[in-house]
């Protein structure tokens, strides 16, 4: 039996950009609602440090943490197939 090695879906650079985009989105929504970081962290039952790192594009949040934050912010997590143009 031959097992084909799969190419990773995301490279490190892509992962960093995704986390930064997530952090910016959460930060912008939090500010729209006039909620402080400590208050959002308390409402979502996550640590302030976790939220701080996420908003700065650092850390590696779990889906559970993202879901808790999204719920408090009136948002939802959504996965979609991204259409890309292959330049190779």
PDB file of N, CA and C in Angstrom:
ATOM      1  N   UNK A   1       0.841  -1.175   0.000  1.00  0.00           N
ATOM      2  CA  UNK A   1       0.000   0.000   0.000  1.00  0.00           C
ATOM      3  C   UNK A   1       0.888   1.240   0.000  1.00  0.00           C
ATOM      4  N   UNK A   2       0.546   2.195  -0.843  1.00  0.00           N
ATOM      5  CA  UNK A   2       1.304   3.434  -0.960  1.00  0.00           C
ATOM      6  C   UNK A   2       0.521   4.556  -0.286  1.00  0.00           C
ATOM      7  N   UNK A   3       1.178   5.241   0.636  1.00  0.00           N
ATOM      8  CA  UNK A   3       0.539   6.366   1.312  1.00  0.00           C
ATOM      9  C   UNK A   3       1.142   7.651   0.779  1.00  0.00           C
ATOM     10  N   UNK A   4       0.289   8.466   0.202  1.00  0.00           N
ATOM     11  CA  UNK A   4       0.746   9.727  -0.364  1.00  0.00           C
ATOM     12  C   UNK A   4       0.867  10.775   0.733  1.00  0.00           C
ATOM     13  N   UNK A   5       2.002  11.407   0.790  1.00  0.00           N
ATOM     14  CA  UNK A   5       2.223  12.451   1.779  1.00  0.00           C
ATOM     15  C   UNK A   5       1.462  13.700   1.350  1.00  0.00           C
ATOM     16  N   UNK A   6       0.657  14.225   2.254  1.00  0.00           N
ATOM     17  CA  UNK A   6      -0.122  15.410   1.937  1.00  0.00           C
ATOM     18  C   UNK A   6       0.652  16.682   2.208  1.00  0.00           C
ATOM     19  N   UNK A   7       0.411  17.632   1.362  1.00  0.00           N
ATOM     20  CA  UNK A   7       0.990  18.952   1.531  1.00  0.00           C
ATOM     21  C   UNK A   7       0.175  19.676   2.613  1.00  0.00           C
ATOM     22  N   UNK A   8       0.823  20.377   3.553  1.00  0.00           N
ATOM     23  CA  UNK A   8       0.069  21.082   4.582  1.00  0.00           C
ATOM     24  C   UNK A   8      -0.868  22.115   3.966  1.00  0.00           C
ATOM     25  N   UNK A   9      -2.042  22.267   4.578  1.00  0.00           N
ATOM     26  CA  UNK A   9      -3.017  23.233   4.084  1.00  0.00           C
ATOM     27  C   UNK A   9      -2.500  24.652   4.298  1.00  0.00           C
ATOM     28  N   UNK A  10      -1.933  24.901   5.477  1.00  0.00           N
ATOM     29  CA  UNK A  10      -1.434  26.233   5.807  1.00  0.00           C
ATOM     30  C   UNK A  10       0.045  26.155   6.141  1.00  0.00           C
ATOM     31  N   UNK A  11       0.806  27.104   5.641  1.00  0.00           N
ATOM     32  CA  UNK A  11       2.179  27.209   6.073  1.00  0.00           C
ATOM     33  C   UNK A  11       2.218  28.161   7.267  1.00  0.00           C
ATOM     34  N   UNK A  12       3.375  28.331   7.871  1.00  0.00           N
ATOM     35  CA  UNK A  12       3.505  29.161   9.064  1.00  0.00           C
ATOM     36  C   UNK A  12       3.093  30.598   8.786  1.00  0.00           C
ATOM     37  N   UNK A  13       3.486  31.124   7.653  1.00  0.00           N
ATOM     38  CA  UNK A  13       3.151  32.511   7.306  1.00  0.00           C
ATOM     39  C   UNK A  13       1.637  32.693   7.198  1.00  0.00           C
ATOM     40  N   UNK A  14       0.952  31.749   6.563  1.00  0.00           N
ATOM     41  CA  UNK A  14      -0.498  31.819   6.424  1.00  0.00           C
ATOM     42  C   UNK A  14      -1.174  31.747   7.782  1.00  0.00           C
ATOM     43  N   UNK A  15      -0.684  30.884   8.653  1.00  0.00           N
ATOM     44  CA  UNK A  15      -1.254  30.743   9.990  1.00  0.00           C
ATOM     45  C   UNK A  15      -1.124  32.042  10.776  1.00  0.00           C
ATOM     46  N   UNK A  16       0.023  32.692  10.700  1.00  0.00           N
ATOM     47  CA  UNK A  16       0.239  33.959  11.398  1.00  0.00           C
ATOM     48  C   UNK A  16      -0.735  35.014  10.889  1.00  0.00           C
ATOM     49  N   UNK A  17      -0.932  35.077   9.572  1.00  0.00           N
ATOM     50  CA  UNK A  17      -1.855  36.053   8.986  1.00  0.00           C
ATOM     51  C   UNK A  17      -3.278  35.771   9.447  1.00  0.00           C
ATOM     52  N   UNK A  18      -3.678  34.501   9.505  1.00  0.00           N
ATOM     53  CA  UNK A  18      -5.022  34.156   9.949  1.00  0.00           C
ATOM     54  C   UNK A  18      -5.250  34.575  11.399  1.00  0.00           C
ATOM     55  N   UNK A  19      -4.290  34.319  12.268  1.00  0.00           N
ATOM     56  CA  UNK A  19      -4.426  34.692  13.672  1.00  0.00           C
ATOM     57  C   UNK A  19      -4.479  36.211  13.812  1.00  0.00           C
ATOM     58  N   UNK A  20      -3.658  36.919  13.036  1.00  0.00           N
ATOM     59  CA  UNK A  20      -3.675  38.382  13.090  1.00  0.00           C
ATOM     60  C   UNK A  20      -5.028  38.919  12.624  1.00  0.00           C
ATOM     61  N   UNK A  21      -5.582  38.343  11.554  1.00  0.00           N
ATOM     62  CA  UNK A  21      -6.874  38.784  11.041  1.00  0.00           C
ATOM     63  C   UNK A  21      -7.978  38.502  12.054  1.00  0.00           C
ATOM     64  N   UNK A  22      -7.936  37.340  12.662  1.00  0.00           N
ATOM     65  CA  UNK A  22      -8.909  37.010  13.711  1.00  0.00           C
ATOM     66  C   UNK A  22      -8.828  38.005  14.859  1.00  0.00           C
ATOM     67  N   UNK A  23      -7.619  38.284  15.283  1.00  0.00           N
ATOM     68  CA  UNK A  23      -7.414  39.215  16.387  1.00  0.00           C
ATOM     69  C   UNK A  23      -7.928  40.603  16.073  1.00  0.00           C
ATOM     70  N   UNK A  24      -7.658  41.068  14.867  1.00  0.00           N
ATOM     71  CA  UNK A  24      -8.134  42.392  14.458  1.00  0.00           C
ATOM     72  C   UNK A  24      -9.652  42.433  14.406  1.00  0.00           C
ATOM     73  N   UNK A  25     -10.262  41.379  13.900  1.00  0.00           N
ATOM     74  CA  UNK A  25     -11.720  41.310  13.810  1.00  0.00           C
ATOM     75  C   UNK A  25     -12.351  41.348  15.195  1.00  0.00           C
ATOM     76  N   UNK A  26     -11.800  40.579  16.122  1.00  0.00           N
ATOM     77  CA  UNK A  26     -12.326  40.555  17.487  1.00  0.00           C
ATOM     78  C   UNK A  26     -12.128  41.906  18.157  1.00  0.00           C
ATOM     79  N   UNK A  27     -10.962  42.484  17.990  1.00  0.00           N
ATOM     80  CA  UNK A  27     -10.675  43.790  18.592  1.00  0.00           C
ATOM     81  C   UNK A  27     -11.627  44.867  18.050  1.00  0.00           C
ATOM     82  N   UNK A  28     -11.810  44.893  16.729  1.00  0.00           N
ATOM     83  CA  UNK A  28     -12.703  45.885  16.127  1.00  0.00           C
ATOM     84  C   UNK A  28     -14.131  45.737  16.628  1.00  0.00           C
ATOM     85  N   UNK A  29     -14.611  44.508  16.708  1.00  0.00           N
ATOM     86  CA  UNK A  29     -15.980  44.272  17.188  1.00  0.00           C
ATOM     87  C   UNK A  29     -16.104  44.655  18.658  1.00  0.00           C
ATOM     88  N   UNK A  30     -15.108  44.320  19.451  1.00  0.00           N
ATOM     89  CA  UNK A  30     -15.121  44.675  20.884  1.00  0.00           C
ATOM     90  C   UNK A  30     -15.204  46.182  21.042  1.00  0.00           C
ATOM     91  N   UNK A  31     -14.427  46.903  20.253  1.00  0.00           N
ATOM     92  CA  UNK A  31     -14.430  48.369  20.331  1.00  0.00           C
ATOM     93  C   UNK A  31     -15.755  48.954  19.847  1.00  0.00           C
ATOM     94  N   UNK A  32     -16.341  48.365  18.796  1.00  0.00           N
ATOM     95  CA  UNK A  32     -17.656  48.805  18.312  1.00  0.00           C
ATOM     96  C   UNK A  32     -18.700  48.737  19.425  1.00  0.00           C
ATOM     97  N   UNK A  33     -18.589  47.697  20.234  1.00  0.00           N
ATOM     98  CA  UNK A  33     -19.546  47.485  21.316  1.00  0.00           C
ATOM     99  C   UNK A  33     -19.172  48.235  22.593  1.00  0.00           C
ATOM    100  N   UNK A  34     -17.997  48.874  22.600  1.00  0.00           N
ATOM    101  CA  UNK A  34     -17.562  49.634  23.769  1.00  0.00           C
ATOM    102  C   UNK A  34     -17.226  48.770  24.973  1.00  0.00           C
ATOM    103  N   UNK A  35     -16.669  47.590  24.701  1.00  0.00           N
ATOM    104  CA  UNK A  35     -16.318  46.648  25.771  1.00  0.00           C
ATOM    105  C   UNK A  35     -14.803  46.659  25.964  1.00  0.00           C
ATOM    106  N   UNK A  36     -14.360  46.691  27.199  1.00  0.00           N
ATOM    107  CA  UNK A  36     -12.931  46.623  27.485  1.00  0.00           C
ATOM    108  C   UNK A  36     -12.454  45.175  27.376  1.00  0.00           C
ATOM    109  N   UNK A  37     -11.143  45.011  27.239  1.00  0.00           N
ATOM    110  CA  UNK A  37     -10.580  43.649  27.202  1.00  0.00           C
ATOM    111  C   UNK A  37     -10.924  42.862  28.469  1.00  0.00           C
ATOM    112  N   UNK A  38     -10.702  43.440  29.658  1.00  0.00           N
ATOM    113  CA  UNK A  38     -11.024  42.674  30.862  1.00  0.00           C
ATOM    114  C   UNK A  38     -12.507  42.294  30.955  1.00  0.00           C
ATOM    115  N   UNK A  39     -13.387  43.196  30.517  1.00  0.00           N
ATOM    116  CA  UNK A  39     -14.817  42.897  30.592  1.00  0.00           C
ATOM    117  C   UNK A  39     -15.199  41.790  29.606  1.00  0.00           C
ATOM    118  N   UNK A  40     -14.671  41.857  28.376  1.00  0.00           N
ATOM    119  CA  UNK A  40     -14.951  40.808  27.396  1.00  0.00           C
ATOM    120  C   UNK A  40     -14.411  39.463  27.884  1.00  0.00           C
ATOM    121  N   UNK A  41     -13.205  39.469  28.412  1.00  0.00           N
ATOM    122  CA  UNK A  41     -12.618  38.228  28.918  1.00  0.00           C
ATOM    123  C   UNK A  41     -13.496  37.628  30.018  1.00  0.00           C
ATOM    124  N   UNK A  42     -14.001  38.483  30.898  1.00  0.00           N
ATOM    125  CA  UNK A  42     -14.871  38.008  31.982  1.00  0.00           C
ATOM    126  C   UNK A  42     -16.176  37.443  31.425  1.00  0.00           C
ATOM    127  N   UNK A  43     -16.792  38.162  30.502  1.00  0.00           N
ATOM    128  CA  UNK A  43     -18.061  37.707  29.921  1.00  0.00           C
ATOM    129  C   UNK A  43     -17.903  36.388  29.167  1.00  0.00           C
ATOM    130  N   UNK A  44     -16.780  36.240  28.471  1.00  0.00           N
ATOM    131  CA  UNK A  44     -16.535  35.032  27.670  1.00  0.00           C
ATOM    132  C   UNK A  44     -15.895  33.906  28.483  1.00  0.00           C
ATOM    133  N   UNK A  45     -15.545  34.214  29.725  1.00  0.00           N
ATOM    134  CA  UNK A  45     -14.892  33.231  30.608  1.00  0.00           C
ATOM    135  C   UNK A  45     -13.577  32.713  30.008  1.00  0.00           C
ATOM    136  N   UNK A  46     -12.768  33.675  29.525  1.00  0.00           N
ATOM    137  CA  UNK A  46     -11.407  33.373  29.070  1.00  0.00           C
ATOM    138  C   UNK A  46     -10.473  34.315  29.815  1.00  0.00           C
ATOM    139  N   UNK A  47      -9.199  34.012  29.831  1.00  0.00           N
ATOM    140  CA  UNK A  47      -8.274  34.883  30.553  1.00  0.00           C
ATOM    141  C   UNK A  47      -8.025  36.167  29.755  1.00  0.00           C
ATOM    142  N   UNK A  48      -7.767  37.234  30.487  1.00  0.00           N
ATOM    143  CA  UNK A  48      -7.453  38.513  29.853  1.00  0.00           C
ATOM    144  C   UNK A  48      -6.199  38.369  29.008  1.00  0.00           C
ATOM    145  N   UNK A  49      -5.236  37.607  29.493  1.00  0.00           N
ATOM    146  CA  UNK A  49      -3.994  37.391  28.752  1.00  0.00           C
ATOM    147  C   UNK A  49      -4.254  36.698  27.414  1.00  0.00           C
ATOM    148  N   UNK A  50      -5.143  35.729  27.400  1.00  0.00           N
ATOM    149  CA  UNK A  50      -5.499  35.032  26.162  1.00  0.00           C
ATOM    150  C   UNK A  50      -6.089  36.013  25.156  1.00  0.00           C
ATOM    151  N   UNK A  51      -7.009  36.849  25.614  1.00  0.00           N
ATOM    152  CA  UNK A  51      -7.635  37.839  24.742  1.00  0.00           C
ATOM    153  C   UNK A  51      -6.611  38.853  24.255  1.00  0.00           C
ATOM    154  N   UNK A  52      -5.764  39.319  25.150  1.00  0.00           N
ATOM    155  CA  UNK A  52      -4.720  40.285  24.790  1.00  0.00           C
ATOM    156  C   UNK A  52      -3.833  39.724  23.680  1.00  0.00           C
ATOM    157  N   UNK A  53      -3.370  38.490  23.852  1.00  0.00           N
ATOM    158  CA  UNK A  53      -2.505  37.866  22.846  1.00  0.00           C
ATOM    159  C   UNK A  53      -3.224  37.680  21.520  1.00  0.00           C
ATOM    160  N   UNK A  54      -4.477  37.261  21.579  1.00  0.00           N
ATOM    161  CA  UNK A  54      -5.249  37.048  20.363  1.00  0.00           C
ATOM    162  C   UNK A  54      -5.404  38.349  19.580  1.00  0.00           C
ATOM    163  N   UNK A  55      -5.751  39.418  20.276  1.00  0.00           N
ATOM    164  CA  UNK A  55      -5.937  40.708  19.612  1.00  0.00           C
ATOM    165  C   UNK A  55      -4.632  41.247  19.018  1.00  0.00           C
ATOM    166  N   UNK A  56      -3.501  40.835  19.545  1.00  0.00           N
ATOM    167  CA  UNK A  56      -2.202  41.283  19.025  1.00  0.00           C
ATOM    168  C   UNK A  56      -1.651  40.322  17.966  1.00  0.00           C
ATOM    169  N   UNK A  57      -2.430  39.292  17.612  1.00  0.00           N
ATOM    170  CA  UNK A  57      -1.995  38.351  16.588  1.00  0.00           C
ATOM    171  C   UNK A  57      -1.007  37.327  17.101  1.00  0.00           C
ATOM    172  N   UNK A  58      -0.983  37.140  18.407  1.00  0.00           N
ATOM    173  CA  UNK A  58      -0.078  36.169  19.023  1.00  0.00           C
ATOM    174  C   UNK A  58      -0.909  35.017  19.584  1.00  0.00           C
ATOM    175  N   UNK A  59      -0.249  34.005  20.042  1.00  0.00           N
ATOM    176  CA  UNK A  59      -0.947  32.888  20.659  1.00  0.00           C
ATOM    177  C   UNK A  59      -1.545  31.952  19.628  1.00  0.00           C
ATOM    178  N   UNK A  60      -2.242  30.961  20.140  1.00  0.00           N
ATOM    179  CA  UNK A  60      -2.861  29.941  19.303  1.00  0.00           C
ATOM    180  C   UNK A  60      -4.202  29.568  19.940  1.00  0.00           C
ATOM    181  N   UNK A  61      -5.237  30.379  19.712  1.00  0.00           N
ATOM    182  CA  UNK A  61      -6.509  30.154  20.403  1.00  0.00           C
ATOM    183  C   UNK A  61      -7.197  28.867  19.943  1.00  0.00           C
ATOM    184  N   UNK A  62      -7.845  28.212  20.880  1.00  0.00           N
ATOM    185  CA  UNK A  62      -8.616  27.017  20.546  1.00  0.00           C
ATOM    186  C   UNK A  62      -9.951  27.444  19.932  1.00  0.00           C
ATOM    187  N   UNK A  63     -10.599  26.501  19.276  1.00  0.00           N
ATOM    188  CA  UNK A  63     -11.926  26.790  18.742  1.00  0.00           C
ATOM    189  C   UNK A  63     -12.900  27.118  19.863  1.00  0.00           C
ATOM    190  N   UNK A  64     -12.716  26.496  21.008  1.00  0.00           N
ATOM    191  CA  UNK A  64     -13.566  26.767  22.158  1.00  0.00           C
ATOM    192  C   UNK A  64     -13.456  28.228  22.590  1.00  0.00           C
ATOM    193  N   UNK A  65     -12.232  28.745  22.681  1.00  0.00           N
ATOM    194  CA  UNK A  65     -12.008  30.142  23.062  1.00  0.00           C
ATOM    195  C   UNK A  65     -12.619  31.069  22.016  1.00  0.00           C
ATOM    196  N   UNK A  66     -12.373  30.778  20.742  1.00  0.00           N
ATOM    197  CA  UNK A  66     -12.926  31.619  19.675  1.00  0.00           C
ATOM    198  C   UNK A  66     -14.447  31.608  19.694  1.00  0.00           C
ATOM    199  N   UNK A  67     -15.023  30.458  19.946  1.00  0.00           N
ATOM    200  CA  UNK A  67     -16.471  30.343  19.994  1.00  0.00           C
ATOM    201  C   UNK A  67     -17.058  31.140  21.159  1.00  0.00           C
ATOM    202  N   UNK A  68     -16.410  31.083  22.319  1.00  0.00           N
ATOM    203  CA  UNK A  68     -16.869  31.845  23.483  1.00  0.00           C
ATOM    204  C   UNK A  68     -16.849  33.343  23.198  1.00  0.00           C
ATOM    205  N   UNK A  69     -15.750  33.812  22.608  1.00  0.00           N
ATOM    206  CA  UNK A  69     -15.625  35.234  22.285  1.00  0.00           C
ATOM    207  C   UNK A  69     -16.654  35.643  21.235  1.00  0.00           C
ATOM    208  N   UNK A  70     -16.804  34.837  20.213  1.00  0.00           N
ATOM    209  CA  UNK A  70     -17.762  35.137  19.146  1.00  0.00           C
ATOM    210  C   UNK A  70     -19.182  35.229  19.706  1.00  0.00           C
ATOM    211  N   UNK A  71     -19.521  34.332  20.576  1.00  0.00           N
ATOM    212  CA  UNK A  71     -20.862  34.316  21.178  1.00  0.00           C
ATOM    213  C   UNK A  71     -21.144  35.621  21.918  1.00  0.00           C
ATOM    214  N   UNK A  72     -20.214  36.059  22.731  1.00  0.00           N
ATOM    215  CA  UNK A  72     -20.386  37.298  23.500  1.00  0.00           C
ATOM    216  C   UNK A  72     -20.447  38.506  22.558  1.00  0.00           C
ATOM    217  N   UNK A  73     -19.683  38.463  21.476  1.00  0.00           N
ATOM    218  CA  UNK A  73     -19.617  39.597  20.549  1.00  0.00           C
ATOM    219  C   UNK A  73     -20.728  39.584  19.500  1.00  0.00           C
ATOM    220  N   UNK A  74     -21.607  38.580  19.573  1.00  0.00           N
ATOM    221  CA  UNK A  74     -22.691  38.491  18.596  1.00  0.00           C
ATOM    222  C   UNK A  74     -22.196  38.103  17.212  1.00  0.00           C
ATOM    223  N   UNK A  75     -21.188  37.235  17.196  1.00  0.00           N
ATOM    224  CA  UNK A  75     -20.598  36.787  15.943  1.00  0.00           C
ATOM    225  C   UNK A  75     -20.699  35.270  15.868  1.00  0.00           C
ATOM    226  N   UNK A  76     -20.332  34.713  14.724  1.00  0.00           N
ATOM    227  CA  UNK A  76     -20.290  33.261  14.599  1.00  0.00           C
ATOM    228  C   UNK A  76     -19.040  32.844  13.854  1.00  0.00           C
ATOM    229  N   UNK A  77     -18.577  31.650  14.157  1.00  0.00           N
ATOM    230  CA  UNK A  77     -17.434  31.080  13.443  1.00  0.00           C
ATOM    231  C   UNK A  77     -17.974  30.362  12.217  1.00  0.00           C
ATOM    232  N   UNK A  78     -17.299  30.558  11.103  1.00  0.00           N
ATOM    233  CA  UNK A  78     -17.759  29.964   9.863  1.00  0.00           C
ATOM    234  C   UNK A  78     -16.552  29.497   9.062  1.00  0.00           C
ATOM    235  N   UNK A  79     -16.605  28.276   8.579  1.00  0.00           N
ATOM    236  CA  UNK A  79     -15.549  27.744   7.720  1.00  0.00           C
ATOM    237  C   UNK A  79     -16.114  27.643   6.311  1.00  0.00           C
ATOM    238  N   UNK A  80     -15.359  28.153   5.360  1.00  0.00           N
ATOM    239  CA  UNK A  80     -15.769  28.088   3.965  1.00  0.00           C
ATOM    240  C   UNK A  80     -14.601  27.622   3.119  1.00  0.00           C
ATOM    241  N   UNK A  81     -14.911  27.031   2.004  1.00  0.00           N
ATOM    242  CA  UNK A  81     -13.873  26.672   1.062  1.00  0.00           C
ATOM    243  C   UNK A  81     -13.476  27.945   0.337  1.00  0.00           C
ATOM    244  N   UNK A  82     -12.198  28.231   0.364  1.00  0.00           N
ATOM    245  CA  UNK A  82     -11.676  29.440  -0.248  1.00  0.00           C
ATOM    246  C   UNK A  82     -11.297  29.153  -1.698  1.00  0.00           C
ATOM    247  N   UNK A  83     -11.787  29.968  -2.594  1.00  0.00           N
ATOM    248  CA  UNK A  83     -11.437  29.828  -3.995  1.00  0.00           C
ATOM    249  C   UNK A  83     -10.121  30.560  -4.223  1.00  0.00           C
ATOM    250  N   UNK A  84      -9.153  29.879  -4.780  1.00  0.00           N
ATOM    251  CA  UNK A  84      -7.846  30.480  -5.040  1.00  0.00           C
ATOM    252  C   UNK A  84      -7.442  30.240  -6.478  1.00  0.00           C
ATOM    253  N   UNK A  85      -6.581  31.098  -6.943  1.00  0.00           N
ATOM    254  CA  UNK A  85      -6.009  30.937  -8.285  1.00  0.00           C
ATOM    255  C   UNK A  85      -4.622  30.350  -8.115  1.00  0.00           C
ATOM    256  N   UNK A  86      -4.371  29.239  -8.750  1.00  0.00           N
ATOM    257  CA  UNK A  86      -3.072  28.588  -8.669  1.00  0.00           C
ATOM    258  C   UNK A  86      -2.123  29.240  -9.657  1.00  0.00           C
ATOM    259  N   UNK A  87      -1.101  29.898  -9.134  1.00  0.00           N
ATOM    260  CA  UNK A  87      -0.112  30.553  -9.993  1.00  0.00           C
ATOM    261  C   UNK A  87       1.038  29.629 -10.369  1.00  0.00           C
ATOM    262  N   UNK A  88       0.960  28.377  -9.985  1.00  0.00           N
ATOM    263  CA  UNK A  88       2.075  27.471 -10.215  1.00  0.00           C
ATOM    264  C   UNK A  88       1.814  26.554 -11.286  1.00  0.00           C
TER     265      UNK A  88
END
